[in-house]
Amino acid sequence: MEDATAIVNVFFDSVTKALVEGSRVEIRGLCSWQVKEYEGYNGRNPNTGDTIKVPRKRLPFFKAGKELLELLNQGYEGKTAGY
């Protein structure tokens, strides 16, 4: 179990490091991660109504791969959500 934990930690540390450095990470058919940059803007505090300055930021963006999406939706057409 400790070996599996170490492998998972190394994997996510590597993904994190790549994203911090501005690289895109892709696992073919499964998913990809990249960083999107957003400009700052003037927002509004919903509690007080005061204008606040929201700084520019970088956020991680996850996208499922085509093969994963196809597997998830295989035979799903026409089914209802069950609630």
PDB file of N, CA and C in Angstrom:
ATOM      1  N   MET A   1       0.819  -1.191   0.000  1.00  0.00           N
ATOM      2  CA  MET A   1       0.000   0.000   0.000  1.00  0.00           C
ATOM      3  C   MET A   1       0.869   1.263   0.000  1.00  0.00           C
ATOM      4  N   GLU A   2       1.970   1.223   0.721  1.00  0.00           N
ATOM      5  CA  GLU A   2       2.869   2.382   0.772  1.00  0.00           C
ATOM      6  C   GLU A   2       3.475   2.664  -0.598  1.00  0.00           C
ATOM      7  N   ASP A   3       3.773   1.611  -1.364  1.00  0.00           N
ATOM      8  CA  ASP A   3       4.329   1.798  -2.706  1.00  0.00           C
ATOM      9  C   ASP A   3       3.329   2.504  -3.609  1.00  0.00           C
ATOM     10  N   ALA A   4       2.070   2.094  -3.533  1.00  0.00           N
ATOM     11  CA  ALA A   4       1.032   2.723  -4.361  1.00  0.00           C
ATOM     12  C   ALA A   4       0.865   4.188  -3.984  1.00  0.00           C
ATOM     13  N   THR A   5       0.886   4.483  -2.689  1.00  0.00           N
ATOM     14  CA  THR A   5       0.767   5.870  -2.226  1.00  0.00           C
ATOM     15  C   THR A   5       1.932   6.698  -2.738  1.00  0.00           C
ATOM     16  N   ALA A   6       3.122   6.152  -2.687  1.00  0.00           N
ATOM     17  CA  ALA A   6       4.306   6.873  -3.169  1.00  0.00           C
ATOM     18  C   ALA A   6       4.215   7.144  -4.669  1.00  0.00           C
ATOM     19  N   ILE A   7       3.747   6.169  -5.439  1.00  0.00           N
ATOM     20  CA  ILE A   7       3.611   6.339  -6.890  1.00  0.00           C
ATOM     21  C   ILE A   7       2.594   7.423  -7.216  1.00  0.00           C
ATOM     22  N   VAL A   8       1.453   7.388  -6.535  1.00  0.00           N
ATOM     23  CA  VAL A   8       0.414   8.405  -6.765  1.00  0.00           C
ATOM     24  C   VAL A   8       0.947   9.790  -6.393  1.00  0.00           C
ATOM     25  N   ASN A   9       1.668   9.895  -5.278  1.00  0.00           N
ATOM     26  CA  ASN A   9       2.236  11.186  -4.864  1.00  0.00           C
ATOM     27  C   ASN A   9       3.236  11.710  -5.885  1.00  0.00           C
ATOM     28  N   VAL A  10       4.093  10.843  -6.403  1.00  0.00           N
ATOM     29  CA  VAL A  10       5.065  11.257  -7.419  1.00  0.00           C
ATOM     30  C   VAL A  10       4.343  11.732  -8.675  1.00  0.00           C
ATOM     31  N   PHE A  11       3.296  11.006  -9.085  1.00  0.00           N
ATOM     32  CA  PHE A  11       2.528  11.389 -10.273  1.00  0.00           C
ATOM     33  C   PHE A  11       1.934  12.784 -10.107  1.00  0.00           C
ATOM     34  N   PHE A  12       1.205  13.003  -9.003  1.00  0.00           N
ATOM     35  CA  PHE A  12       0.553  14.303  -8.822  1.00  0.00           C
ATOM     36  C   PHE A  12       1.551  15.427  -8.564  1.00  0.00           C
ATOM     37  N   ASP A  13       2.667  15.134  -7.925  1.00  0.00           N
ATOM     38  CA  ASP A  13       3.714  16.149  -7.767  1.00  0.00           C
ATOM     39  C   ASP A  13       4.268  16.557  -9.130  1.00  0.00           C
ATOM     40  N   SER A  14       4.434  15.582 -10.021  1.00  0.00           N
ATOM     41  CA  SER A  14       4.941  15.862 -11.369  1.00  0.00           C
ATOM     42  C   SER A  14       3.944  16.688 -12.174  1.00  0.00           C
ATOM     43  N   VAL A  15       2.666  16.347 -12.082  1.00  0.00           N
ATOM     44  CA  VAL A  15       1.630  17.113 -12.779  1.00  0.00           C
ATOM     45  C   VAL A  15       1.600  18.545 -12.251  1.00  0.00           C
ATOM     46  N   THR A  16       1.634  18.693 -10.939  1.00  0.00           N
ATOM     47  CA  THR A  16       1.613  20.016 -10.322  1.00  0.00           C
ATOM     48  C   THR A  16       2.807  20.849 -10.771  1.00  0.00           C
ATOM     49  N   LYS A  17       3.991  20.258 -10.756  1.00  0.00           N
ATOM     50  CA  LYS A  17       5.201  20.976 -11.163  1.00  0.00           C
ATOM     51  C   LYS A  17       5.090  21.424 -12.618  1.00  0.00           C
ATOM     52  N   ALA A  18       4.609  20.554 -13.491  1.00  0.00           N
ATOM     53  CA  ALA A  18       4.469  20.902 -14.904  1.00  0.00           C
ATOM     54  C   ALA A  18       3.487  22.057 -15.089  1.00  0.00           C
ATOM     55  N   LEU A  19       2.364  22.030 -14.378  1.00  0.00           N
ATOM     56  CA  LEU A  19       1.382  23.103 -14.497  1.00  0.00           C
ATOM     57  C   LEU A  19       1.926  24.430 -13.976  1.00  0.00           C
ATOM     58  N   VAL A  20       2.652  24.390 -12.868  1.00  0.00           N
ATOM     59  CA  VAL A  20       3.254  25.607 -12.321  1.00  0.00           C
ATOM     60  C   VAL A  20       4.237  26.205 -13.321  1.00  0.00           C
ATOM     61  N   GLU A  21       4.942  25.347 -14.049  1.00  0.00           N
ATOM     62  CA  GLU A  21       5.913  25.816 -15.045  1.00  0.00           C
ATOM     63  C   GLU A  21       5.248  26.247 -16.355  1.00  0.00           C
ATOM     64  N   GLY A  22       3.918  26.072 -16.453  1.00  0.00           N
ATOM     65  CA  GLY A  22       3.195  26.512 -17.640  1.00  0.00           C
ATOM     66  C   GLY A  22       3.007  25.454 -18.711  1.00  0.00           C
ATOM     67  N   SER A  23       3.366  24.221 -18.416  1.00  0.00           N
ATOM     68  CA  SER A  23       3.211  23.136 -19.389  1.00  0.00           C
ATOM     69  C   SER A  23       1.798  22.571 -19.348  1.00  0.00           C
ATOM     70  N   ARG A  24       1.422  21.904 -20.408  1.00  0.00           N
ATOM     71  CA  ARG A  24       0.155  21.180 -20.503  1.00  0.00           C
ATOM     72  C   ARG A  24       0.479  19.712 -20.261  1.00  0.00           C
ATOM     73  N   VAL A  25      -0.373  19.012 -19.516  1.00  0.00           N
ATOM     74  CA  VAL A  25      -0.163  17.598 -19.207  1.00  0.00           C
ATOM     75  C   VAL A  25      -1.295  16.802 -19.849  1.00  0.00           C
ATOM     76  N   GLU A  26      -0.936  15.737 -20.569  1.00  0.00           N
ATOM     77  CA  GLU A  26      -1.947  14.934 -21.246  1.00  0.00           C
ATOM     78  C   GLU A  26      -1.685  13.453 -21.015  1.00  0.00           C
ATOM     79  N   ILE A  27      -2.749  12.728 -20.695  1.00  0.00           N
ATOM     80  CA  ILE A  27      -2.728  11.279 -20.662  1.00  0.00           C
ATOM     81  C   ILE A  27      -3.663  10.867 -21.795  1.00  0.00           C
ATOM     82  N   ARG A  28      -3.088  10.440 -22.888  1.00  0.00           N
ATOM     83  CA  ARG A  28      -3.860  10.170 -24.114  1.00  0.00           C
ATOM     84  C   ARG A  28      -5.074   9.297 -23.847  1.00  0.00           C
ATOM     85  N   GLY A  29      -6.222   9.769 -24.334  1.00  0.00           N
ATOM     86  CA  GLY A  29      -7.464   9.036 -24.211  1.00  0.00           C
ATOM     87  C   GLY A  29      -8.156   9.199 -22.875  1.00  0.00           C
ATOM     88  N   LEU A  30      -7.432   9.651 -21.856  1.00  0.00           N
ATOM     89  CA  LEU A  30      -8.020   9.772 -20.524  1.00  0.00           C
ATOM     90  C   LEU A  30      -8.360  11.211 -20.178  1.00  0.00           C
ATOM     91  N   CYS A  31      -7.349  12.090 -20.165  1.00  0.00           N
ATOM     92  CA  CYS A  31      -7.604  13.464 -19.750  1.00  0.00           C
ATOM     93  C   CYS A  31      -6.397  14.351 -20.045  1.00  0.00           C
ATOM     94  N   SER A  32      -6.612  15.641 -19.844  1.00  0.00           N
ATOM     95  CA  SER A  32      -5.506  16.593 -19.917  1.00  0.00           C
ATOM     96  C   SER A  32      -5.753  17.709 -18.909  1.00  0.00           C
ATOM     97  N   TRP A  33      -4.665  18.338 -18.498  1.00  0.00           N
ATOM     98  CA  TRP A  33      -4.720  19.495 -17.616  1.00  0.00           C
ATOM     99  C   TRP A  33      -3.934  20.607 -18.273  1.00  0.00           C
ATOM    100  N   GLN A  34      -4.410  21.824 -18.080  1.00  0.00           N
ATOM    101  CA  GLN A  34      -3.639  22.978 -18.504  1.00  0.00           C
ATOM    102  C   GLN A  34      -4.023  24.135 -17.593  1.00  0.00           C
ATOM    103  N   VAL A  35      -3.245  25.189 -17.643  1.00  0.00           N
ATOM    104  CA  VAL A  35      -3.521  26.361 -16.822  1.00  0.00           C
ATOM    105  C   VAL A  35      -4.130  27.431 -17.710  1.00  0.00           C
ATOM    106  N   LYS A  36      -5.231  28.008 -17.240  1.00  0.00           N
ATOM    107  CA  LYS A  36      -5.852  29.127 -17.945  1.00  0.00           C
ATOM    108  C   LYS A  36      -5.620  30.386 -17.122  1.00  0.00           C
ATOM    109  N   GLU A  37      -5.300  31.459 -17.821  1.00  0.00           N
ATOM    110  CA  GLU A  37      -5.067  32.734 -17.152  1.00  0.00           C
ATOM    111  C   GLU A  37      -6.266  33.642 -17.341  1.00  0.00           C
ATOM    112  N   TYR A  38      -6.675  34.275 -16.254  1.00  0.00           N
ATOM    113  CA  TYR A  38      -7.820  35.172 -16.265  1.00  0.00           C
ATOM    114  C   TYR A  38      -7.363  36.566 -15.852  1.00  0.00           C
ATOM    115  N   GLU A  39      -7.808  37.571 -16.576  1.00  0.00           N
ATOM    116  CA  GLU A  39      -7.481  38.956 -16.250  1.00  0.00           C
ATOM    117  C   GLU A  39      -8.251  39.386 -15.005  1.00  0.00           C
ATOM    118  N   GLY A  40      -7.709  40.364 -14.308  1.00  0.00           N
ATOM    119  CA  GLY A  40      -8.404  40.927 -13.160  1.00  0.00           C
ATOM    120  C   GLY A  40      -9.615  41.732 -13.622  1.00  0.00           C
ATOM    121  N   TYR A  41     -10.527  41.984 -12.715  1.00  0.00           N
ATOM    122  CA  TYR A  41     -11.713  42.762 -13.053  1.00  0.00           C
ATOM    123  C   TYR A  41     -12.293  43.377 -11.776  1.00  0.00           C
ATOM    124  N   ASN A  42     -13.200  44.316 -11.946  1.00  0.00           N
ATOM    125  CA  ASN A  42     -13.908  44.901 -10.817  1.00  0.00           C
ATOM    126  C   ASN A  42     -15.177  44.097 -10.594  1.00  0.00           C
ATOM    127  N   GLY A  43     -15.316  43.563  -9.384  1.00  0.00           N
ATOM    128  CA  GLY A  43     -16.475  42.769  -9.031  1.00  0.00           C
ATOM    129  C   GLY A  43     -17.303  43.474  -7.970  1.00  0.00           C
ATOM    130  N   ARG A  44     -18.273  42.768  -7.440  1.00  0.00           N
ATOM    131  CA  ARG A  44     -19.145  43.338  -6.423  1.00  0.00           C
ATOM    132  C   ARG A  44     -19.299  42.352  -5.280  1.00  0.00           C
ATOM    133  N   ASN A  45     -19.150  42.836  -4.068  1.00  0.00           N
ATOM    134  CA  ASN A  45     -19.376  42.020  -2.881  1.00  0.00           C
ATOM    135  C   ASN A  45     -20.885  41.847  -2.740  1.00  0.00           C
ATOM    136  N   PRO A  46     -21.407  40.607  -2.824  1.00  0.00           N
ATOM    137  CA  PRO A  46     -22.856  40.413  -2.789  1.00  0.00           C
ATOM    138  C   PRO A  46     -23.487  40.775  -1.442  1.00  0.00           C
ATOM    139  N   ASN A  47     -22.710  40.759  -0.369  1.00  0.00           N
ATOM    140  CA  ASN A  47     -23.254  41.088   0.958  1.00  0.00           C
ATOM    141  C   ASN A  47     -23.405  42.582   1.175  1.00  0.00           C
ATOM    142  N   THR A  48     -22.419  43.345   0.699  1.00  0.00           N
ATOM    143  CA  THR A  48     -22.417  44.793   0.968  1.00  0.00           C
ATOM    144  C   THR A  48     -22.729  45.629  -0.265  1.00  0.00           C
ATOM    145  N   GLY A  49     -22.541  45.052  -1.446  1.00  0.00           N
ATOM    146  CA  GLY A  49     -22.733  45.821  -2.670  1.00  0.00           C
ATOM    147  C   GLY A  49     -21.512  46.636  -3.053  1.00  0.00           C
ATOM    148  N   ASP A  50     -20.480  46.612  -2.220  1.00  0.00           N
ATOM    149  CA  ASP A  50     -19.257  47.376  -2.494  1.00  0.00           C
ATOM    150  C   ASP A  50     -18.527  46.798  -3.703  1.00  0.00           C
ATOM    151  N   THR A  51     -17.874  47.678  -4.461  1.00  0.00           N
ATOM    152  CA  THR A  51     -17.041  47.256  -5.579  1.00  0.00           C
ATOM    153  C   THR A  51     -15.705  46.769  -5.028  1.00  0.00           C
ATOM    154  N   ILE A  52     -15.248  45.630  -5.533  1.00  0.00           N
ATOM    155  CA  ILE A  52     -13.949  45.091  -5.119  1.00  0.00           C
ATOM    156  C   ILE A  52     -13.127  44.776  -6.362  1.00  0.00           C
ATOM    157  N   LYS A  53     -11.828  44.857  -6.210  1.00  0.00           N
ATOM    158  CA  LYS A  53     -10.929  44.532  -7.315  1.00  0.00           C
ATOM    159  C   LYS A  53     -10.545  43.060  -7.188  1.00  0.00           C
ATOM    160  N   VAL A  54     -10.870  42.284  -8.212  1.00  0.00           N
ATOM    161  CA  VAL A  54     -10.504  40.871  -8.248  1.00  0.00           C
ATOM    162  C   VAL A  54      -9.212  40.773  -9.053  1.00  0.00           C
ATOM    163  N   PRO A  55      -8.135  40.280  -8.437  1.00  0.00           N
ATOM    164  CA  PRO A  55      -6.847  40.236  -9.145  1.00  0.00           C
ATOM    165  C   PRO A  55      -6.832  39.183 -10.255  1.00  0.00           C
ATOM    166  N   ARG A  56      -5.901  39.341 -11.192  1.00  0.00           N
ATOM    167  CA  ARG A  56      -5.742  38.324 -12.230  1.00  0.00           C
ATOM    168  C   ARG A  56      -5.304  37.029 -11.558  1.00  0.00           C
ATOM    169  N   LYS A  57      -5.614  35.917 -12.198  1.00  0.00           N
ATOM    170  CA  LYS A  57      -5.290  34.631 -11.585  1.00  0.00           C
ATOM    171  C   LYS A  57      -5.087  33.562 -12.645  1.00  0.00           C
ATOM    172  N   ARG A  58      -4.464  32.485 -12.211  1.00  0.00           N
ATOM    173  CA  ARG A  58      -4.254  31.296 -13.038  1.00  0.00           C
ATOM    174  C   ARG A  58      -4.986  30.153 -12.358  1.00  0.00           C
ATOM    175  N   LEU A  59      -5.780  29.413 -13.141  1.00  0.00           N
ATOM    176  CA  LEU A  59      -6.529  28.295 -12.587  1.00  0.00           C
ATOM    177  C   LEU A  59      -6.281  27.037 -13.409  1.00  0.00           C
ATOM    178  N   PRO A  60      -6.212  25.873 -12.741  1.00  0.00           N
ATOM    179  CA  PRO A  60      -6.060  24.625 -13.489  1.00  0.00           C
ATOM    180  C   PRO A  60      -7.362  24.293 -14.195  1.00  0.00           C
ATOM    181  N   PHE A  61      -7.249  23.741 -15.390  1.00  0.00           N
ATOM    182  CA  PHE A  61      -8.409  23.360 -16.194  1.00  0.00           C
ATOM    183  C   PHE A  61      -8.246  21.898 -16.564  1.00  0.00           C
ATOM    184  N   PHE A  62      -9.250  21.081 -16.241  1.00  0.00           N
ATOM    185  CA  PHE A  62      -9.250  19.645 -16.520  1.00  0.00           C
ATOM    186  C   PHE A  62     -10.188  19.380 -17.687  1.00  0.00           C
ATOM    187  N   LYS A  63      -9.749  18.544 -18.606  1.00  0.00           N
ATOM    188  CA  LYS A  63     -10.598  18.164 -19.730  1.00  0.00           C
ATOM    189  C   LYS A  63     -10.519  16.646 -19.897  1.00  0.00           C
ATOM    190  N   ALA A  64     -11.685  16.003 -19.914  1.00  0.00           N
ATOM    191  CA  ALA A  64     -11.729  14.558 -20.132  1.00  0.00           C
ATOM    192  C   ALA A  64     -11.354  14.252 -21.574  1.00  0.00           C
ATOM    193  N   GLY A  65     -10.668  13.139 -21.792  1.00  0.00           N
ATOM    194  CA  GLY A  65     -10.260  12.725 -23.131  1.00  0.00           C
ATOM    195  C   GLY A  65     -11.417  12.143 -23.927  1.00  0.00           C
ATOM    196  N   LYS A  66     -11.264  12.133 -25.225  1.00  0.00           N
ATOM    197  CA  LYS A  66     -12.304  11.654 -26.137  1.00  0.00           C
ATOM    198  C   LYS A  66     -12.680  10.200 -25.837  1.00  0.00           C
ATOM    199  N   GLU A  67     -11.691   9.345 -25.630  1.00  0.00           N
ATOM    200  CA  GLU A  67     -11.977   7.927 -25.381  1.00  0.00           C
ATOM    201  C   GLU A  67     -12.735   7.730 -24.069  1.00  0.00           C
ATOM    202  N   LEU A  68     -12.381   8.483 -23.034  1.00  0.00           N
ATOM    203  CA  LEU A  68     -13.091   8.388 -21.763  1.00  0.00           C
ATOM    204  C   LEU A  68     -14.535   8.843 -21.933  1.00  0.00           C
ATOM    205  N   LEU A  69     -14.744   9.943 -22.625  1.00  0.00           N
ATOM    206  CA  LEU A  69     -16.100  10.432 -22.856  1.00  0.00           C
ATOM    207  C   LEU A  69     -16.937   9.419 -23.643  1.00  0.00           C
ATOM    208  N   GLU A  70     -16.322   8.803 -24.636  1.00  0.00           N
ATOM    209  CA  GLU A  70     -17.043   7.799 -25.420  1.00  0.00           C
ATOM    210  C   GLU A  70     -17.436   6.597 -24.554  1.00  0.00           C
ATOM    211  N   LEU A  71     -16.529   6.140 -23.689  1.00  0.00           N
ATOM    212  CA  LEU A  71     -16.837   5.016 -22.793  1.00  0.00           C
ATOM    213  C   LEU A  71     -17.963   5.365 -21.824  1.00  0.00           C
ATOM    214  N   LEU A  72     -17.925   6.579 -21.280  1.00  0.00           N
ATOM    215  CA  LEU A  72     -18.961   6.999 -20.339  1.00  0.00           C
ATOM    216  C   LEU A  72     -20.330   7.094 -20.985  1.00  0.00           C
ATOM    217  N   ASN A  73     -20.371   7.454 -22.249  1.00  0.00           N
ATOM    218  CA  ASN A  73     -21.644   7.686 -22.932  1.00  0.00           C
ATOM    219  C   ASN A  73     -22.087   6.522 -23.809  1.00  0.00           C
ATOM    220  N   GLN A  74     -21.313   5.456 -23.839  1.00  0.00           N
ATOM    221  CA  GLN A  74     -21.651   4.291 -24.645  1.00  0.00           C
ATOM    222  C   GLN A  74     -22.960   3.678 -24.135  1.00  0.00           C
ATOM    223  N   GLY A  75     -23.968   3.622 -24.986  1.00  0.00           N
ATOM    224  CA  GLY A  75     -25.252   3.058 -24.616  1.00  0.00           C
ATOM    225  C   GLY A  75     -26.079   3.936 -23.703  1.00  0.00           C
ATOM    226  N   TYR A  76     -25.675   5.179 -23.516  1.00  0.00           N
ATOM    227  CA  TYR A  76     -26.365   6.075 -22.588  1.00  0.00           C
ATOM    228  C   TYR A  76     -27.492   6.855 -23.244  1.00  0.00           C
ATOM    229  N   GLU A  77     -27.498   6.945 -24.576  1.00  0.00           N
ATOM    230  CA  GLU A  77     -28.510   7.718 -25.277  1.00  0.00           C
ATOM    231  C   GLU A  77     -29.903   7.192 -24.951  1.00  0.00           C
ATOM    232  N   GLY A  78     -30.796   8.099 -24.650  1.00  0.00           N
ATOM    233  CA  GLY A  78     -32.183   7.722 -24.414  1.00  0.00           C
ATOM    234  C   GLY A  78     -32.487   7.304 -22.988  1.00  0.00           C
ATOM    235  N   LYS A  79     -31.478   7.135 -22.143  1.00  0.00           N
ATOM    236  CA  LYS A  79     -31.737   6.762 -20.751  1.00  0.00           C
ATOM    237  C   LYS A  79     -32.050   8.024 -19.943  1.00  0.00           C
ATOM    238  N   THR A  80     -32.884   7.880 -18.918  1.00  0.00           N
ATOM    239  CA  THR A  80     -33.209   9.006 -18.053  1.00  0.00           C
ATOM    240  C   THR A  80     -32.392   8.947 -16.799  1.00  0.00           C
ATOM    241  N   ALA A  81     -32.403  10.042 -16.059  1.00  0.00           N
ATOM    242  CA  ALA A  81     -31.542  10.183 -14.902  1.00  0.00           C
ATOM    243  C   ALA A  81     -32.031   9.412 -13.681  1.00  0.00           C
ATOM    244  N   GLY A  82     -33.136   8.818 -13.626  1.00  0.00           N
ATOM    245  CA  GLY A  82     -33.541   8.003 -12.493  1.00  0.00           C
ATOM    246  C   GLY A  82     -34.034   8.791 -11.292  1.00  0.00           C
ATOM    247  N   TYR A  83     -34.280  10.072 -11.469  1.00  0.00           N
ATOM    248  CA  TYR A  83     -34.895  10.836 -10.375  1.00  0.00           C
ATOM    249  C   TYR A  83     -35.953  11.738 -10.906  1.00  0.00           C
TER     250      TYR A  83
END
